Amino acid sequence: MRAKPPTILLLDTVPPLLTQLLEMQGWYVEPAYELSADQVLRKFPGAKGMVIRSRFSIREEFLKKATGLNFIARLGAGMENIDVEAATGLGIRCLHAPEGNRDAVAEHALGMLLSLLNHLPRADREVRQGLWKREANRGNELSGKTVGIIGFGNMGSAFAQRLQGFGVRVLVNDPYRPPAFSEDDFRMAASLEQIQHEAHVVSLHIPYSQENHHYVNAKWLASFRNPIYLINTARGKVLNTEAVLQGIQEGKIMGACLDVLEFESLSFEALEGSAAETLKRLMTEERVLLSPHIAGWSHESNEKMARVLAEKIGPVEPYIIRK
């Protein structure tokens, strides 16, 4: 009797294409969408791989008990819900798929920026109400502006690519590694201080960590010479929402495009005190454009991420014996 192939657990729902590709590579794919972390360990102690989005965090205690585990694969870009350092120390590979949704993120960021510059959400609402306000909705052109990009990985570089043809100058700052590109008339590496001195638009493309919790804060914003348009399609907690609202009131921020929120991991109904008040002010601020963490959530990115992750996981043979 032929033995069952090694198991990959699906801890979150995934595109059917990913299941198909993994099975074609020889894996046995087991859905575990509703199991808690403890139930996963009890029921599938010998699983070779796990695929997760963000349903629960995978920490060192969990990893030490998963004695058969060879890899954890996140269907997405950010890895903050996985203790990568602990996993690496235990010989467990950590995989993710930022190459799969970088195009969607870049297009979404550009779309939000153009919408805000041209007052499109407000203008659309007014026309539907029978109002025809041309002067009040006079827009600002992107052409001629300097755009600062903080973080130049998959997302930041894809956003920079989309900006070509708009007549902008791009300044790139990557606090984690040197920018991997050749400078030209369109873009150049820059210090944060140069971006704060010259930029009119700033787009964040950095991962969340304790190191950059509230990376955007009142002191950071006060260092900008020009009023800026701010874009965050990265993680909500890299930005202090109260500081952004204060920056808008003080004229330091002309507008903010926020696809992610500082509070999104919580139920809005559960917010109390200052957090609830801050969220209420954010929701009523016309100079803020919001979307529900969908920048990388296109139909095409779903398929691309599945293909990228399946390729990184690879065929079953190398995993049969734990390294």
C-alpha atoms as a PDB file:
ATOM      1  CA  MET A   1       0.000   0.000   0.000  1.00  0.00           C
ATOM      2  CA  ARG A   2       1.378   3.374  -1.007  1.00  0.00           C
ATOM      3  CA  ALA A   3       2.090   5.778   1.879  1.00  0.00           C
ATOM      4  CA  LYS A   4       0.260   9.097   2.018  1.00  0.00           C
ATOM      5  CA  PRO A   5       2.407  11.993   0.756  1.00  0.00           C
ATOM      6  CA  PRO A   6       3.675  14.572   3.278  1.00  0.00           C
ATOM      7  CA  THR A   7       1.023  17.009   4.441  1.00  0.00           C
ATOM      8  CA  ILE A   8       0.668  20.748   3.950  1.00  0.00           C
ATOM      9  CA  LEU A   9      -1.934  22.314   6.246  1.00  0.00           C
ATOM     10  CA  LEU A  10      -4.030  25.202   4.982  1.00  0.00           C
ATOM     11  CA  LEU A  11      -4.615  27.317   8.093  1.00  0.00           C
ATOM     12  CA  ASP A  12      -6.522  29.953   6.096  1.00  0.00           C
ATOM     13  CA  THR A  13      -8.616  29.828   2.959  1.00  0.00           C
ATOM     14  CA  VAL A  14      -6.470  29.997  -0.171  1.00  0.00           C
ATOM     15  CA  PRO A  15      -7.153  30.255  -3.918  1.00  0.00           C
ATOM     16  CA  PRO A  16      -8.115  26.857  -5.371  1.00  0.00           C
ATOM     17  CA  LEU A  17      -5.194  27.263  -7.761  1.00  0.00           C
ATOM     18  CA  LEU A  18      -2.693  26.965  -4.900  1.00  0.00           C
ATOM     19  CA  THR A  19      -4.203  23.657  -3.788  1.00  0.00           C
ATOM     20  CA  GLN A  20      -4.081  22.376  -7.362  1.00  0.00           C
ATOM     21  CA  LEU A  21      -0.451  23.374  -7.846  1.00  0.00           C
ATOM     22  CA  LEU A  22       0.663  21.854  -4.543  1.00  0.00           C
ATOM     23  CA  GLU A  23      -1.100  18.585  -5.291  1.00  0.00           C
ATOM     24  CA  MET A  24       0.548  18.522  -8.726  1.00  0.00           C
ATOM     25  CA  GLN A  25       3.887  18.833  -6.923  1.00  0.00           C
ATOM     26  CA  GLY A  26       3.114  15.713  -4.901  1.00  0.00           C
ATOM     27  CA  TRP A  27       1.788  17.174  -1.658  1.00  0.00           C
ATOM     28  CA  TYR A  28      -1.216  16.041   0.363  1.00  0.00           C
ATOM     29  CA  VAL A  29      -3.133  19.246   1.120  1.00  0.00           C
ATOM     30  CA  GLU A  30      -5.267  19.286   4.271  1.00  0.00           C
ATOM     31  CA  PRO A  31      -7.695  22.170   5.018  1.00  0.00           C
ATOM     32  CA  ALA A  32      -7.528  23.284   8.657  1.00  0.00           C
ATOM     33  CA  TYR A  33      -9.427  26.544   8.359  1.00  0.00           C
ATOM     34  CA  GLU A  34     -11.295  26.298  11.652  1.00  0.00           C
ATOM     35  CA  LEU A  35      -8.712  24.699  13.911  1.00  0.00           C
ATOM     36  CA  SER A  36      -7.027  26.676  16.669  1.00  0.00           C
ATOM     37  CA  ALA A  37      -3.247  26.627  17.018  1.00  0.00           C
ATOM     38  CA  ASP A  38      -3.458  23.993  19.775  1.00  0.00           C
ATOM     39  CA  GLN A  39      -5.818  21.834  17.715  1.00  0.00           C
ATOM     40  CA  VAL A  40      -3.443  22.020  14.751  1.00  0.00           C
ATOM     41  CA  LEU A  41      -0.571  20.717  16.878  1.00  0.00           C
ATOM     42  CA  ARG A  42      -2.653  17.922  18.388  1.00  0.00           C
ATOM     43  CA  LYS A  43      -4.245  16.743  15.158  1.00  0.00           C
ATOM     44  CA  PHE A  44      -1.353  17.202  12.724  1.00  0.00           C
ATOM     45  CA  PRO A  45       1.922  16.973  14.670  1.00  0.00           C
ATOM     46  CA  GLY A  46       3.827  15.657  11.652  1.00  0.00           C
ATOM     47  CA  ALA A  47       2.783  18.220   9.046  1.00  0.00           C
ATOM     48  CA  LYS A  48       5.691  19.247   6.837  1.00  0.00           C
ATOM     49  CA  GLY A  49       4.303  22.626   5.815  1.00  0.00           C
ATOM     50  CA  MET A  50       1.694  25.210   6.738  1.00  0.00           C
ATOM     51  CA  VAL A  51       0.094  27.942   4.651  1.00  0.00           C
ATOM     52  CA  ILE A  52      -1.395  30.904   6.503  1.00  0.00           C
ATOM     53  CA  ARG A  53      -2.648  34.428   5.906  1.00  0.00           C
ATOM     54  CA  SER A  54      -3.257  36.172   9.244  1.00  0.00           C
ATOM     55  CA  ARG A  55      -5.739  34.037  11.182  1.00  0.00           C
ATOM     56  CA  PHE A  56      -3.424  33.599  14.179  1.00  0.00           C
ATOM     57  CA  SER A  57       0.163  34.293  15.115  1.00  0.00           C
ATOM     58  CA  ILE A  58       2.815  31.592  14.935  1.00  0.00           C
ATOM     59  CA  ARG A  59       5.275  32.019  17.801  1.00  0.00           C
ATOM     60  CA  GLU A  60       8.263  30.141  19.205  1.00  0.00           C
ATOM     61  CA  GLU A  61       6.255  27.928  21.561  1.00  0.00           C
ATOM     62  CA  PHE A  62       4.111  26.714  18.672  1.00  0.00           C
ATOM     63  CA  LEU A  63       7.132  26.132  16.438  1.00  0.00           C
ATOM     64  CA  LYS A  64       8.961  24.036  19.019  1.00  0.00           C
ATOM     65  CA  LYS A  65       5.972  21.698  19.269  1.00  0.00           C
ATOM     66  CA  ALA A  66       5.627  21.349  15.481  1.00  0.00           C
ATOM     67  CA  THR A  67       8.460  18.833  15.306  1.00  0.00           C
ATOM     68  CA  GLY A  68       7.878  17.743  11.717  1.00  0.00           C
ATOM     69  CA  LEU A  69       7.586  21.220  10.257  1.00  0.00           C
ATOM     70  CA  ASN A  70       9.884  22.199   7.391  1.00  0.00           C
ATOM     71  CA  PHE A  71       8.292  25.467   6.274  1.00  0.00           C
ATOM     72  CA  ILE A  72       5.636  28.087   6.896  1.00  0.00           C
ATOM     73  CA  ALA A  73       4.284  29.888   3.842  1.00  0.00           C
ATOM     74  CA  ARG A  74       2.313  33.117   4.092  1.00  0.00           C
ATOM     75  CA  LEU A  75      -0.062  33.911   1.250  1.00  0.00           C
ATOM     76  CA  GLY A  76       0.768  37.601   1.258  1.00  0.00           C
ATOM     77  CA  ALA A  77       3.665  39.945   1.841  1.00  0.00           C
ATOM     78  CA  GLY A  78       3.977  40.856   5.540  1.00  0.00           C
ATOM     79  CA  MET A  79       5.492  38.369   7.978  1.00  0.00           C
ATOM     80  CA  GLU A  80       4.726  40.073  11.295  1.00  0.00           C
ATOM     81  CA  ASN A  81       2.401  37.279  12.455  1.00  0.00           C
ATOM     82  CA  ILE A  82       5.249  34.727  12.206  1.00  0.00           C
ATOM     83  CA  ASP A  83       8.279  34.600  14.525  1.00  0.00           C
ATOM     84  CA  VAL A  84      10.735  34.384  11.652  1.00  0.00           C
ATOM     85  CA  GLU A  85      13.810  34.490  13.888  1.00  0.00           C
ATOM     86  CA  ALA A  86      12.632  31.573  16.023  1.00  0.00           C
ATOM     87  CA  ALA A  87      11.597  29.582  12.949  1.00  0.00           C
ATOM     88  CA  THR A  88      14.939  30.129  11.251  1.00  0.00           C
ATOM     89  CA  GLY A  89      16.743  29.026  14.400  1.00  0.00           C
ATOM     90  CA  LEU A  90      14.775  25.772  14.318  1.00  0.00           C
ATOM     91  CA  GLY A  91      15.583  25.162  10.657  1.00  0.00           C
ATOM     92  CA  ILE A  92      12.083  26.043   9.455  1.00  0.00           C
ATOM     93  CA  ARG A  93      11.889  28.027   6.218  1.00  0.00           C
ATOM     94  CA  CYS A  94       9.627  31.089   6.123  1.00  0.00           C
ATOM     95  CA  LEU A  95       8.168  31.890   2.713  1.00  0.00           C
ATOM     96  CA  HIS A  96       5.946  34.677   1.460  1.00  0.00           C
ATOM     97  CA  ALA A  97       4.725  36.047  -1.864  1.00  0.00           C
ATOM     98  CA  PRO A  98       5.247  39.825  -2.192  1.00  0.00           C
ATOM     99  CA  GLU A  99       6.048  39.352  -5.877  1.00  0.00           C
ATOM    100  CA  GLY A 100       2.439  38.256  -6.359  1.00  0.00           C
ATOM    101  CA  ASN A 101       0.641  41.376  -5.157  1.00  0.00           C
ATOM    102  CA  ARG A 102       3.173  44.140  -5.818  1.00  0.00           C
ATOM    103  CA  ASP A 103       1.443  45.231  -9.033  1.00  0.00           C
ATOM    104  CA  ALA A 104      -1.924  45.470  -7.306  1.00  0.00           C
ATOM    105  CA  VAL A 105      -0.462  47.504  -4.431  1.00  0.00           C
ATOM    106  CA  ALA A 106       1.335  49.888  -6.789  1.00  0.00           C
ATOM    107  CA  GLU A 107      -1.756  50.502  -8.922  1.00  0.00           C
ATOM    108  CA  HIS A 108      -3.960  50.975  -5.868  1.00  0.00           C
ATOM    109  CA  ALA A 109      -1.559  53.492  -4.317  1.00  0.00           C
ATOM    110  CA  LEU A 110      -1.419  55.477  -7.548  1.00  0.00           C
ATOM    111  CA  GLY A 111      -5.197  55.350  -7.930  1.00  0.00           C
ATOM    112  CA  MET A 112      -5.754  56.628  -4.394  1.00  0.00           C
ATOM    113  CA  LEU A 113      -3.256  59.444  -4.908  1.00  0.00           C
ATOM    114  CA  LEU A 114      -4.804  60.625  -8.188  1.00  0.00           C
ATOM    115  CA  SER A 115      -8.291  60.435  -6.658  1.00  0.00           C
ATOM    116  CA  LEU A 116      -7.248  62.582  -3.719  1.00  0.00           C
ATOM    117  CA  LEU A 117      -5.342  65.118  -5.808  1.00  0.00           C
ATOM    118  CA  ASN A 118      -8.419  65.629  -7.988  1.00  0.00           C
ATOM    119  CA  HIS A 119     -11.091  65.419  -5.239  1.00  0.00           C
ATOM    120  CA  LEU A 120     -12.798  62.595  -7.118  1.00  0.00           C
ATOM    121  CA  PRO A 121     -14.666  60.930  -4.215  1.00  0.00           C
ATOM    122  CA  ARG A 122     -16.180  64.269  -3.151  1.00  0.00           C
ATOM    123  CA  ALA A 123     -16.902  65.410  -6.697  1.00  0.00           C
ATOM    124  CA  ASP A 124     -18.643  62.119  -7.463  1.00  0.00           C
ATOM    125  CA  ARG A 125     -20.853  62.428  -4.359  1.00  0.00           C
ATOM    126  CA  GLU A 126     -21.763  66.015  -5.191  1.00  0.00           C
ATOM    127  CA  VAL A 127     -22.711  65.345  -8.813  1.00  0.00           C
ATOM    128  CA  ARG A 128     -24.949  62.471  -7.678  1.00  0.00           C
ATOM    129  CA  GLN A 129     -26.646  64.965  -5.337  1.00  0.00           C
ATOM    130  CA  GLY A 130     -27.237  67.395  -8.204  1.00  0.00           C
ATOM    131  CA  LEU A 131     -24.377  69.722  -7.277  1.00  0.00           C
ATOM    132  CA  TRP A 132     -22.034  71.066  -9.982  1.00  0.00           C
ATOM    133  CA  LYS A 133     -19.073  72.599  -8.112  1.00  0.00           C
ATOM    134  CA  ARG A 134     -16.189  73.090 -10.504  1.00  0.00           C
ATOM    135  CA  GLU A 135     -14.037  75.671  -8.741  1.00  0.00           C
ATOM    136  CA  ALA A 136     -14.371  73.994  -5.339  1.00  0.00           C
ATOM    137  CA  ASN A 137     -13.090  70.764  -6.889  1.00  0.00           C
ATOM    138  CA  ARG A 138     -10.181  72.213  -8.848  1.00  0.00           C
ATOM    139  CA  GLY A 139      -7.449  69.569  -8.635  1.00  0.00           C
ATOM    140  CA  ASN A 140      -3.677  69.454  -8.291  1.00  0.00           C
ATOM    141  CA  GLU A 141      -1.438  67.835 -10.904  1.00  0.00           C
ATOM    142  CA  LEU A 142       1.049  65.142 -10.005  1.00  0.00           C
ATOM    143  CA  SER A 143       3.382  66.396 -12.729  1.00  0.00           C
ATOM    144  CA  GLY A 144       6.282  68.478 -11.451  1.00  0.00           C
ATOM    145  CA  LYS A 145       6.143  67.102  -7.922  1.00  0.00           C
ATOM    146  CA  THR A 146       8.802  65.184  -5.981  1.00  0.00           C
ATOM    147  CA  VAL A 147       7.670  61.815  -4.646  1.00  0.00           C
ATOM    148  CA  GLY A 148       9.458  60.201  -1.712  1.00  0.00           C
ATOM    149  CA  ILE A 149       9.260  56.420  -1.459  1.00  0.00           C
ATOM    150  CA  ILE A 150      10.135  54.932   1.943  1.00  0.00           C
ATOM    151  CA  GLY A 151      11.077  51.275   1.422  1.00  0.00           C
ATOM    152  CA  PHE A 152      12.202  49.953  -1.943  1.00  0.00           C
ATOM    153  CA  GLY A 153      11.333  46.277  -1.922  1.00  0.00           C
ATOM    154  CA  ASN A 154       8.734  44.681  -4.163  1.00  0.00           C
ATOM    155  CA  MET A 155       6.018  47.223  -3.379  1.00  0.00           C
ATOM    156  CA  GLY A 156       8.099  50.391  -3.392  1.00  0.00           C
ATOM    157  CA  SER A 157       9.875  49.528  -6.633  1.00  0.00           C
ATOM    158  CA  ALA A 158       6.575  48.649  -8.334  1.00  0.00           C
ATOM    159  CA  PHE A 159       5.104  51.986  -7.256  1.00  0.00           C
ATOM    160  CA  ALA A 160       8.147  53.828  -8.602  1.00  0.00           C
ATOM    161  CA  GLN A 161       7.708  52.039 -11.919  1.00  0.00           C
ATOM    162  CA  ARG A 162       4.082  53.219 -12.157  1.00  0.00           C
ATOM    163  CA  LEU A 163       5.159  56.822 -11.633  1.00  0.00           C
ATOM    164  CA  GLN A 164       7.212  56.904 -14.821  1.00  0.00           C
ATOM    165  CA  GLY A 165       5.452  59.047 -17.389  1.00  0.00           C
ATOM    166  CA  PHE A 166       3.855  61.370 -14.809  1.00  0.00           C
ATOM    167  CA  GLY A 167       6.642  63.937 -14.953  1.00  0.00           C
ATOM    168  CA  VAL A 168       7.679  63.474 -11.339  1.00  0.00           C
ATOM    169  CA  ARG A 169      11.024  63.158  -9.600  1.00  0.00           C
ATOM    170  CA  VAL A 170      11.358  60.155  -7.289  1.00  0.00           C
ATOM    171  CA  LEU A 171      13.510  60.035  -4.157  1.00  0.00           C
ATOM    172  CA  VAL A 172      13.990  56.555  -2.686  1.00  0.00           C
ATOM    173  CA  ASN A 173      14.941  55.758   0.887  1.00  0.00           C
ATOM    174  CA  ASP A 174      15.241  52.208   2.164  1.00  0.00           C
ATOM    175  CA  PRO A 175      16.086  51.963   5.872  1.00  0.00           C
ATOM    176  CA  TYR A 176      16.797  48.231   5.662  1.00  0.00           C
ATOM    177  CA  ARG A 177      19.053  47.795   2.650  1.00  0.00           C
ATOM    178  CA  PRO A 178      20.580  49.875  -0.157  1.00  0.00           C
ATOM    179  CA  PRO A 179      18.164  50.523  -3.042  1.00  0.00           C
ATOM    180  CA  ALA A 180      18.770  47.958  -5.785  1.00  0.00           C
ATOM    181  CA  PHE A 181      18.532  50.201  -8.824  1.00  0.00           C
ATOM    182  CA  SER A 182      20.596  52.491 -10.996  1.00  0.00           C
ATOM    183  CA  GLU A 183      20.034  56.210 -10.524  1.00  0.00           C
ATOM    184  CA  ASP A 184      18.839  58.273 -13.481  1.00  0.00           C
ATOM    185  CA  ASP A 185      17.011  61.538 -14.211  1.00  0.00           C
ATOM    186  CA  PHE A 186      13.767  59.994 -12.897  1.00  0.00           C
ATOM    187  CA  ARG A 187      14.803  58.519  -9.554  1.00  0.00           C
ATOM    188  CA  MET A 188      17.654  58.658  -7.097  1.00  0.00           C
ATOM    189  CA  ALA A 189      18.621  57.311  -3.683  1.00  0.00           C
ATOM    190  CA  ALA A 190      18.052  59.801  -0.892  1.00  0.00           C
ATOM    191  CA  SER A 191      18.387  60.191   2.835  1.00  0.00           C
ATOM    192  CA  LEU A 192      15.245  60.625   4.892  1.00  0.00           C
ATOM    193  CA  GLU A 193      16.376  64.195   5.531  1.00  0.00           C
ATOM    194  CA  GLN A 194      16.471  64.922   1.787  1.00  0.00           C
ATOM    195  CA  ILE A 195      12.971  63.504   1.346  1.00  0.00           C
ATOM    196  CA  GLN A 196      11.738  65.632   4.236  1.00  0.00           C
ATOM    197  CA  HIS A 197      13.320  68.687   2.628  1.00  0.00           C
ATOM    198  CA  GLU A 198      12.118  68.161  -0.957  1.00  0.00           C
ATOM    199  CA  ALA A 199       9.127  65.807  -1.224  1.00  0.00           C
ATOM    200  CA  HIS A 200       5.525  66.780  -1.966  1.00  0.00           C
ATOM    201  CA  VAL A 201       4.213  63.193  -1.836  1.00  0.00           C
ATOM    202  CA  VAL A 202       5.427  60.386   0.456  1.00  0.00           C
ATOM    203  CA  SER A 203       4.475  56.723   0.043  1.00  0.00           C
ATOM    204  CA  LEU A 204       5.227  54.123   2.743  1.00  0.00           C
ATOM    205  CA  HIS A 205       6.304  50.616   1.735  1.00  0.00           C
ATOM    206  CA  ILE A 206       7.938  49.257   4.878  1.00  0.00           C
ATOM    207  CA  PRO A 207       7.038  46.152   6.901  1.00  0.00           C
ATOM    208  CA  TYR A 208       5.746  46.421  10.438  1.00  0.00           C
ATOM    209  CA  SER A 209       8.107  45.722  13.331  1.00  0.00           C
ATOM    210  CA  GLN A 210       8.615  47.089  16.815  1.00  0.00           C
ATOM    211  CA  GLU A 211      11.463  49.124  15.358  1.00  0.00           C
ATOM    212  CA  ASN A 212       9.129  51.116  13.104  1.00  0.00           C
ATOM    213  CA  HIS A 213       6.010  51.205  15.277  1.00  0.00           C
ATOM    214  CA  HIS A 214       4.622  54.723  14.683  1.00  0.00           C
ATOM    215  CA  TYR A 215       7.415  55.432  12.217  1.00  0.00           C
ATOM    216  CA  VAL A 216       5.220  58.313  11.056  1.00  0.00           C
ATOM    217  CA  ASN A 217       4.722  60.496  14.113  1.00  0.00           C
ATOM    218  CA  ALA A 218       4.474  64.173  14.992  1.00  0.00           C
ATOM    219  CA  LYS A 219       8.248  64.689  15.058  1.00  0.00           C
ATOM    220  CA  TRP A 220       8.635  62.946  11.681  1.00  0.00           C
ATOM    221  CA  LEU A 221       5.934  65.096  10.093  1.00  0.00           C
ATOM    222  CA  ALA A 222       7.279  68.319  11.606  1.00  0.00           C
ATOM    223  CA  SER A 223      10.562  67.747   9.740  1.00  0.00           C
ATOM    224  CA  PHE A 224       8.951  68.224   6.297  1.00  0.00           C
ATOM    225  CA  ARG A 225       9.517  71.574   4.640  1.00  0.00           C
ATOM    226  CA  ASN A 226       6.578  71.232   2.214  1.00  0.00           C
ATOM    227  CA  PRO A 227       2.997  70.187   2.970  1.00  0.00           C
ATOM    228  CA  ILE A 228       2.735  66.581   1.745  1.00  0.00           C
ATOM    229  CA  TYR A 229       0.285  64.015   0.480  1.00  0.00           C
ATOM    230  CA  LEU A 230       0.843  60.821   2.483  1.00  0.00           C
ATOM    231  CA  ILE A 231       0.146  57.278   1.228  1.00  0.00           C
ATOM    232  CA  ASN A 232       0.134  54.183   3.432  1.00  0.00           C
ATOM    233  CA  THR A 233      -0.495  50.808   1.788  1.00  0.00           C
ATOM    234  CA  ALA A 234       1.981  49.048   4.103  1.00  0.00           C
ATOM    235  CA  ARG A 235       0.814  48.368   7.672  1.00  0.00           C
ATOM    236  CA  GLY A 236      -1.461  50.495   9.829  1.00  0.00           C
ATOM    237  CA  LYS A 237       0.739  50.599  12.894  1.00  0.00           C
ATOM    238  CA  VAL A 238       3.700  52.198  11.126  1.00  0.00           C
ATOM    239  CA  LEU A 239       1.616  55.374  11.271  1.00  0.00           C
ATOM    240  CA  ASN A 240       0.348  57.289  14.297  1.00  0.00           C
ATOM    241  CA  THR A 241      -3.199  58.231  13.312  1.00  0.00           C
ATOM    242  CA  GLU A 242      -3.493  61.030  15.852  1.00  0.00           C
ATOM    243  CA  ALA A 243      -0.298  62.617  14.494  1.00  0.00           C
ATOM    244  CA  VAL A 244      -1.666  62.437  10.937  1.00  0.00           C
ATOM    245  CA  LEU A 245      -4.926  64.128  11.936  1.00  0.00           C
ATOM    246  CA  GLN A 246      -2.963  66.808  13.753  1.00  0.00           C
ATOM    247  CA  GLY A 247      -0.749  67.218  10.676  1.00  0.00           C
ATOM    248  CA  ILE A 248      -3.836  67.746   8.506  1.00  0.00           C
ATOM    249  CA  GLN A 249      -5.221  70.390  10.867  1.00  0.00           C
ATOM    250  CA  GLU A 250      -1.852  72.181  10.972  1.00  0.00           C
ATOM    251  CA  GLY A 251      -1.467  72.102   7.186  1.00  0.00           C
ATOM    252  CA  LYS A 252       1.536  69.766   7.242  1.00  0.00           C
ATOM    253  CA  ILE A 253      -0.496  67.128   5.390  1.00  0.00           C
ATOM    254  CA  MET A 254      -2.571  68.126   2.355  1.00  0.00           C
ATOM    255  CA  GLY A 255      -4.235  64.721   2.262  1.00  0.00           C
ATOM    256  CA  ALA A 256      -3.725  61.097   3.276  1.00  0.00           C
ATOM    257  CA  CYS A 257      -4.422  57.882   1.361  1.00  0.00           C
ATOM    258  CA  LEU A 258      -4.824  55.090   3.910  1.00  0.00           C
ATOM    259  CA  ASP A 259      -5.467  51.526   2.771  1.00  0.00           C
ATOM    260  CA  VAL A 260      -4.476  50.236   6.217  1.00  0.00           C
ATOM    261  CA  LEU A 261      -5.482  51.492   9.651  1.00  0.00           C
ATOM    262  CA  GLU A 262      -3.766  51.499  12.998  1.00  0.00           C
ATOM    263  CA  PHE A 263      -6.929  49.980  14.500  1.00  0.00           C
ATOM    264  CA  GLU A 264      -7.816  47.393  11.869  1.00  0.00           C
ATOM    265  CA  SER A 265      -6.822  44.332  13.910  1.00  0.00           C
ATOM    266  CA  LEU A 266      -9.569  45.296  16.379  1.00  0.00           C
ATOM    267  CA  SER A 267     -13.327  45.419  16.060  1.00  0.00           C
ATOM    268  CA  PHE A 268     -14.293  49.056  15.566  1.00  0.00           C
ATOM    269  CA  GLU A 269     -17.184  48.481  17.972  1.00  0.00           C
ATOM    270  CA  ALA A 270     -14.701  47.450  20.691  1.00  0.00           C
ATOM    271  CA  LEU A 271     -12.733  50.696  20.512  1.00  0.00           C
ATOM    272  CA  GLU A 272     -13.067  52.960  23.510  1.00  0.00           C
ATOM    273  CA  GLY A 273     -11.686  56.244  24.767  1.00  0.00           C
ATOM    274  CA  SER A 274      -9.113  58.149  22.735  1.00  0.00           C
ATOM    275  CA  ALA A 275      -8.824  55.421  20.082  1.00  0.00           C
ATOM    276  CA  ALA A 276     -12.556  55.580  19.350  1.00  0.00           C
ATOM    277  CA  GLU A 277     -12.445  59.372  19.180  1.00  0.00           C
ATOM    278  CA  THR A 278      -9.430  59.303  16.841  1.00  0.00           C
ATOM    279  CA  LEU A 279     -11.184  56.849  14.516  1.00  0.00           C
ATOM    280  CA  LYS A 280     -14.329  58.981  14.494  1.00  0.00           C
ATOM    281  CA  ARG A 281     -12.326  62.050  13.488  1.00  0.00           C
ATOM    282  CA  LEU A 282     -10.541  60.057  10.784  1.00  0.00           C
ATOM    283  CA  MET A 283     -13.838  58.881   9.283  1.00  0.00           C
ATOM    284  CA  THR A 284     -15.165  62.427   8.993  1.00  0.00           C
ATOM    285  CA  GLU A 285     -12.012  63.991   7.545  1.00  0.00           C
ATOM    286  CA  GLU A 286     -12.541  64.777   3.830  1.00  0.00           C
ATOM    287  CA  ARG A 287      -8.815  65.056   3.210  1.00  0.00           C
ATOM    288  CA  VAL A 288      -8.393  61.374   4.075  1.00  0.00           C
ATOM    289  CA  LEU A 289      -9.183  58.681   1.498  1.00  0.00           C
ATOM    290  CA  LEU A 290      -9.771  55.230   2.996  1.00  0.00           C
ATOM    291  CA  SER A 291      -9.950  51.661   1.685  1.00  0.00           C
ATOM    292  CA  PRO A 292     -10.259  48.404   3.695  1.00  0.00           C
ATOM    293  CA  HIS A 293      -6.771  46.879   3.256  1.00  0.00           C
ATOM    294  CA  ILE A 294      -7.442  45.890  -0.344  1.00  0.00           C
ATOM    295  CA  ALA A 295      -4.418  47.375  -2.120  1.00  0.00           C
ATOM    296  CA  GLY A 296      -2.959  43.928  -2.797  1.00  0.00           C
ATOM    297  CA  TRP A 297      -6.350  42.209  -3.057  1.00  0.00           C
ATOM    298  CA  SER A 298      -7.018  42.075  -6.792  1.00  0.00           C
ATOM    299  CA  HIS A 299      -8.332  39.055  -8.676  1.00  0.00           C
ATOM    300  CA  GLU A 300      -5.048  38.857 -10.550  1.00  0.00           C
ATOM    301  CA  SER A 301      -2.883  39.081  -7.418  1.00  0.00           C
ATOM    302  CA  ASN A 302      -4.740  36.150  -5.875  1.00  0.00           C
ATOM    303  CA  GLU A 303      -3.593  33.931  -8.735  1.00  0.00           C
ATOM    304  CA  LYS A 304      -0.097  35.423  -8.888  1.00  0.00           C
ATOM    305  CA  MET A 305       0.485  34.853  -5.163  1.00  0.00           C
ATOM    306  CA  ALA A 306      -0.657  31.248  -5.503  1.00  0.00           C
ATOM    307  CA  ARG A 307       1.828  30.633  -8.310  1.00  0.00           C
ATOM    308  CA  VAL A 308       4.685  32.411  -6.511  1.00  0.00           C
ATOM    309  CA  LEU A 309       4.109  30.500  -3.271  1.00  0.00           C
ATOM    310  CA  ALA A 310       3.781  27.123  -4.998  1.00  0.00           C
ATOM    311  CA  GLU A 311       7.046  27.747  -6.828  1.00  0.00           C
ATOM    312  CA  LYS A 312       8.834  28.694  -3.607  1.00  0.00           C
ATOM    313  CA  ILE A 313       7.499  25.624  -1.793  1.00  0.00           C
ATOM    314  CA  GLY A 314       8.486  23.377  -4.670  1.00  0.00           C
ATOM    315  CA  PRO A 315       8.001  19.638  -5.205  1.00  0.00           C
ATOM    316  CA  VAL A 316       7.560  17.277  -2.291  1.00  0.00           C
ATOM    317  CA  GLU A 317      10.729  15.197  -2.672  1.00  0.00           C
ATOM    318  CA  PRO A 318      13.227  17.477  -0.864  1.00  0.00           C
ATOM    319  CA  TYR A 319      10.954  17.643   2.192  1.00  0.00           C
ATOM    320  CA  ILE A 320      10.461  13.931   2.771  1.00  0.00           C
ATOM    321  CA  ILE A 321      13.390  13.832   5.163  1.00  0.00           C
ATOM    322  CA  ARG A 322      13.577  16.740   7.591  1.00  0.00           C
ATOM    323  CA  LYS A 323      16.774  18.723   7.273  1.00  0.00           C
END
